[in-house]
Amino acid sequence: MKLIQDDTLEFEEIPNDSESIEVSRKSYRIPVKDRETSLLITNDSTYPLIDISNEGVCIAIDATAPLSSADITPDCKIVLGEFHFDGLVGEVVHSSLNEEGNWICGIQWQHIDETTRSALDQALLHLRKEIFEDA
């Protein structure tokens, strides 16, 4: 075994990579505290929200019926307590197991009108304030 005696580091700039830019997050998800009043409703089914951002949501799903992209319609509705957002178009971007072994599903908004986006941004601001007040 050879021991390295030099404790210096060399840093090299990583050139711009279009793939890494494409997958970087533009916003971060806010964890949802009250899953009984924070819901996604689509196709006559209701799913509790795990977290939310203005780009999409993560929901808890039943292991016996994971969602596929065909299961999300142009008529998604988000309920965040007293806030309601209708007419969202979502696409399932993943269905997977979380750290506890429960099924979750990530949904990204494909279309959201400016009025709804603005109202959602205000609701998310309210949720962020709640999180930091409780910290």
C-alpha atoms as a PDB file:
ATOM      1  CA  MET A   1       0.000   0.000   0.000  1.00  0.00           C
ATOM      2  CA  LYS A   2       1.402   3.397  -0.983  1.00  0.00           C
ATOM      3  CA  LEU A   3       0.661   6.366   1.261  1.00  0.00           C
ATOM      4  CA  ILE A   4       0.193   9.757  -0.335  1.00  0.00           C
ATOM      5  CA  GLN A   5       2.299  12.378   1.402  1.00  0.00           C
ATOM      6  CA  ASP A   6       1.030  15.359  -0.580  1.00  0.00           C
ATOM      7  CA  ASP A   7      -2.077  16.940   0.956  1.00  0.00           C
ATOM      8  CA  THR A   8      -2.794  19.444  -1.812  1.00  0.00           C
ATOM      9  CA  LEU A   9      -5.848  19.412  -4.020  1.00  0.00           C
ATOM     10  CA  GLU A  10      -6.109  20.460  -7.618  1.00  0.00           C
ATOM     11  CA  PHE A  11      -9.413  21.794  -8.881  1.00  0.00           C
ATOM     12  CA  GLU A  12     -10.417  21.585 -12.475  1.00  0.00           C
ATOM     13  CA  GLU A  13     -13.292  23.562 -13.932  1.00  0.00           C
ATOM     14  CA  ILE A  14     -16.010  21.390 -15.383  1.00  0.00           C
ATOM     15  CA  PRO A  15     -17.009  22.599 -18.836  1.00  0.00           C
ATOM     16  CA  ASN A  16     -20.640  23.497 -19.399  1.00  0.00           C
ATOM     17  CA  ASP A  17     -22.602  20.329 -19.874  1.00  0.00           C
ATOM     18  CA  SER A  18     -25.979  20.684 -21.534  1.00  0.00           C
ATOM     19  CA  GLU A  19     -27.224  17.486 -19.873  1.00  0.00           C
ATOM     20  CA  SER A  20     -26.440  18.678 -16.355  1.00  0.00           C
ATOM     21  CA  ILE A  21     -28.091  22.031 -17.070  1.00  0.00           C
ATOM     22  CA  GLU A  22     -31.153  20.186 -18.343  1.00  0.00           C
ATOM     23  CA  VAL A  23     -31.610  18.145 -15.175  1.00  0.00           C
ATOM     24  CA  SER A  24     -30.794  20.816 -12.614  1.00  0.00           C
ATOM     25  CA  ARG A  25     -33.659  21.900 -10.421  1.00  0.00           C
ATOM     26  CA  LYS A  26     -35.191  25.301 -10.897  1.00  0.00           C
ATOM     27  CA  SER A  27     -37.088  25.061  -7.638  1.00  0.00           C
ATOM     28  CA  TYR A  28     -37.035  22.921  -4.527  1.00  0.00           C
ATOM     29  CA  ARG A  29     -39.869  20.898  -3.084  1.00  0.00           C
ATOM     30  CA  ILE A  30     -41.558  21.911   0.121  1.00  0.00           C
ATOM     31  CA  PRO A  31     -42.484  19.037   2.428  1.00  0.00           C
ATOM     32  CA  VAL A  32     -46.189  18.821   3.218  1.00  0.00           C
ATOM     33  CA  LYS A  33     -47.071  18.517   6.902  1.00  0.00           C
ATOM     34  CA  ASP A  34     -50.789  17.806   6.702  1.00  0.00           C
ATOM     35  CA  ARG A  35     -51.353  15.001   4.213  1.00  0.00           C
ATOM     36  CA  GLU A  36     -55.063  14.846   5.034  1.00  0.00           C
ATOM     37  CA  THR A  37     -55.713  18.324   3.608  1.00  0.00           C
ATOM     38  CA  SER A  38     -52.929  18.445   0.980  1.00  0.00           C
ATOM     39  CA  LEU A  39     -53.998  16.316  -1.958  1.00  0.00           C
ATOM     40  CA  LEU A  40     -53.765  15.650  -5.670  1.00  0.00           C
ATOM     41  CA  ILE A  41     -57.070  14.694  -7.276  1.00  0.00           C
ATOM     42  CA  THR A  42     -57.069  13.147 -10.753  1.00  0.00           C
ATOM     43  CA  ASN A  43     -59.079  10.487 -12.591  1.00  0.00           C
ATOM     44  CA  ASP A  44     -61.537  10.313  -9.673  1.00  0.00           C
ATOM     45  CA  SER A  45     -58.689   9.277  -7.346  1.00  0.00           C
ATOM     46  CA  THR A  46     -57.181  11.205  -4.438  1.00  0.00           C
ATOM     47  CA  TYR A  47     -53.514  10.991  -3.451  1.00  0.00           C
ATOM     48  CA  PRO A  48     -51.818  12.580  -0.414  1.00  0.00           C
ATOM     49  CA  LEU A  49     -49.017  15.019  -1.228  1.00  0.00           C
ATOM     50  CA  ILE A  50     -45.563  14.317   0.158  1.00  0.00           C
ATOM     51  CA  ASP A  51     -43.998  17.487  -1.186  1.00  0.00           C
ATOM     52  CA  ILE A  52     -44.724  20.225  -3.710  1.00  0.00           C
ATOM     53  CA  SER A  53     -43.003  22.862  -5.811  1.00  0.00           C
ATOM     54  CA  ASN A  54     -44.218  25.162  -8.542  1.00  0.00           C
ATOM     55  CA  GLU A  55     -42.821  22.589 -11.018  1.00  0.00           C
ATOM     56  CA  GLY A  56     -44.702  19.539  -9.695  1.00  0.00           C
ATOM     57  CA  VAL A  57     -45.573  17.258  -6.790  1.00  0.00           C
ATOM     58  CA  CYS A  58     -44.575  13.997  -5.173  1.00  0.00           C
ATOM     59  CA  ILE A  59     -47.470  11.840  -4.021  1.00  0.00           C
ATOM     60  CA  ALA A  60     -47.896   8.638  -2.037  1.00  0.00           C
ATOM     61  CA  ILE A  61     -49.349   5.813  -4.111  1.00  0.00           C
ATOM     62  CA  ASP A  62     -50.598   2.280  -3.472  1.00  0.00           C
ATOM     63  CA  ALA A  63     -48.052  -0.450  -4.227  1.00  0.00           C
ATOM     64  CA  THR A  64     -50.678  -2.571  -5.966  1.00  0.00           C
ATOM     65  CA  ALA A  65     -51.436   0.108  -8.540  1.00  0.00           C
ATOM     66  CA  PRO A  66     -48.426   2.320  -9.360  1.00  0.00           C
ATOM     67  CA  LEU A  67     -49.289   5.175 -11.667  1.00  0.00           C
ATOM     68  CA  SER A  68     -48.157   5.351 -15.257  1.00  0.00           C
ATOM     69  CA  SER A  69     -48.046   8.351 -17.548  1.00  0.00           C
ATOM     70  CA  ALA A  70     -51.447   7.325 -18.927  1.00  0.00           C
ATOM     71  CA  ASP A  71     -52.995   7.792 -15.471  1.00  0.00           C
ATOM     72  CA  ILE A  72     -52.503  11.558 -15.305  1.00  0.00           C
ATOM     73  CA  THR A  73     -54.989  13.609 -17.249  1.00  0.00           C
ATOM     74  CA  PRO A  74     -55.183  17.263 -18.182  1.00  0.00           C
ATOM     75  CA  ASP A  75     -57.583  17.710 -15.277  1.00  0.00           C
ATOM     76  CA  CYS A  76     -55.409  17.524 -12.157  1.00  0.00           C
ATOM     77  CA  LYS A  77     -56.469  19.391  -9.054  1.00  0.00           C
ATOM     78  CA  ILE A  78     -54.282  20.331  -6.095  1.00  0.00           C
ATOM     79  CA  VAL A  79     -55.769  20.985  -2.672  1.00  0.00           C
ATOM     80  CA  LEU A  80     -53.533  22.712  -0.107  1.00  0.00           C
ATOM     81  CA  GLY A  81     -55.858  23.278   2.811  1.00  0.00           C
ATOM     82  CA  GLU A  82     -57.980  26.270   1.809  1.00  0.00           C
ATOM     83  CA  PHE A  83     -56.085  26.736  -1.493  1.00  0.00           C
ATOM     84  CA  HIS A  84     -57.409  24.896  -4.576  1.00  0.00           C
ATOM     85  CA  PHE A  85     -55.767  24.741  -8.018  1.00  0.00           C
ATOM     86  CA  ASP A  86     -57.715  23.253 -10.933  1.00  0.00           C
ATOM     87  CA  GLY A  87     -56.919  22.439 -14.547  1.00  0.00           C
ATOM     88  CA  LEU A  88     -53.286  21.414 -14.119  1.00  0.00           C
ATOM     89  CA  VAL A  89     -51.729  19.152 -16.744  1.00  0.00           C
ATOM     90  CA  GLY A  90     -49.265  16.705 -15.229  1.00  0.00           C
ATOM     91  CA  GLU A  91     -46.928  13.987 -16.433  1.00  0.00           C
ATOM     92  CA  VAL A  92     -45.663  11.117 -14.299  1.00  0.00           C
ATOM     93  CA  VAL A  93     -41.872  11.363 -14.311  1.00  0.00           C
ATOM     94  CA  HIS A  94     -41.180   8.508 -11.888  1.00  0.00           C
ATOM     95  CA  SER A  95     -42.730   5.845  -9.692  1.00  0.00           C
ATOM     96  CA  SER A  96     -40.323   4.424  -7.140  1.00  0.00           C
ATOM     97  CA  LEU A  97     -39.806   3.235  -3.589  1.00  0.00           C
ATOM     98  CA  ASN A  98     -38.730   5.761  -0.959  1.00  0.00           C
ATOM     99  CA  GLU A  99     -36.290   5.086   1.895  1.00  0.00           C
ATOM    100  CA  GLU A 100     -39.033   3.480   4.016  1.00  0.00           C
ATOM    101  CA  GLY A 101     -40.092   1.138   1.202  1.00  0.00           C
ATOM    102  CA  ASN A 102     -43.313   3.000   0.344  1.00  0.00           C
ATOM    103  CA  TRP A 103     -44.305   3.755  -3.243  1.00  0.00           C
ATOM    104  CA  ILE A 104     -44.098   7.381  -4.337  1.00  0.00           C
ATOM    105  CA  CYS A 105     -44.754   9.069  -7.646  1.00  0.00           C
ATOM    106  CA  GLY A 106     -43.309  12.294  -9.053  1.00  0.00           C
ATOM    107  CA  ILE A 107     -45.510  14.397 -11.294  1.00  0.00           C
ATOM    108  CA  GLN A 108     -44.225  17.349 -13.282  1.00  0.00           C
ATOM    109  CA  TRP A 109     -46.551  20.055 -14.546  1.00  0.00           C
ATOM    110  CA  GLN A 110     -46.657  20.218 -18.335  1.00  0.00           C
ATOM    111  CA  HIS A 111     -49.011  23.159 -18.503  1.00  0.00           C
ATOM    112  CA  ILE A 112     -50.052  25.694 -15.913  1.00  0.00           C
ATOM    113  CA  ASP A 113     -51.600  29.049 -16.805  1.00  0.00           C
ATOM    114  CA  GLU A 114     -50.052  32.237 -15.435  1.00  0.00           C
ATOM    115  CA  THR A 115     -52.937  33.019 -13.075  1.00  0.00           C
ATOM    116  CA  THR A 116     -52.733  29.555 -11.507  1.00  0.00           C
ATOM    117  CA  ARG A 117     -48.919  29.700 -11.366  1.00  0.00           C
ATOM    118  CA  SER A 118     -49.049  33.034  -9.553  1.00  0.00           C
ATOM    119  CA  ALA A 119     -51.633  31.753  -7.062  1.00  0.00           C
ATOM    120  CA  LEU A 120     -49.622  28.551  -6.523  1.00  0.00           C
ATOM    121  CA  ASP A 121     -46.474  30.605  -5.909  1.00  0.00           C
ATOM    122  CA  GLN A 122     -48.347  32.546  -3.199  1.00  0.00           C
ATOM    123  CA  ALA A 123     -49.574  29.324  -1.567  1.00  0.00           C
ATOM    124  CA  LEU A 124     -46.036  27.903  -1.617  1.00  0.00           C
ATOM    125  CA  LEU A 125     -44.725  31.107  -0.043  1.00  0.00           C
ATOM    126  CA  HIS A 126     -47.293  30.603   2.725  1.00  0.00           C
ATOM    127  CA  LEU A 127     -46.109  26.988   3.224  1.00  0.00           C
ATOM    128  CA  ARG A 128     -42.448  28.091   3.374  1.00  0.00           C
ATOM    129  CA  LYS A 129     -43.306  30.664   6.050  1.00  0.00           C
ATOM    130  CA  GLU A 130     -45.061  27.964   8.097  1.00  0.00           C
ATOM    131  CA  ILE A 131     -42.007  25.711   7.888  1.00  0.00           C
ATOM    132  CA  PHE A 132     -39.592  28.417   9.027  1.00  0.00           C
ATOM    133  CA  GLU A 133     -41.904  29.645  11.805  1.00  0.00           C
ATOM    134  CA  ASP A 134     -42.014  26.100  13.228  1.00  0.00           C
ATOM    135  CA  ALA A 135     -38.224  25.625  12.989  1.00  0.00           C
END
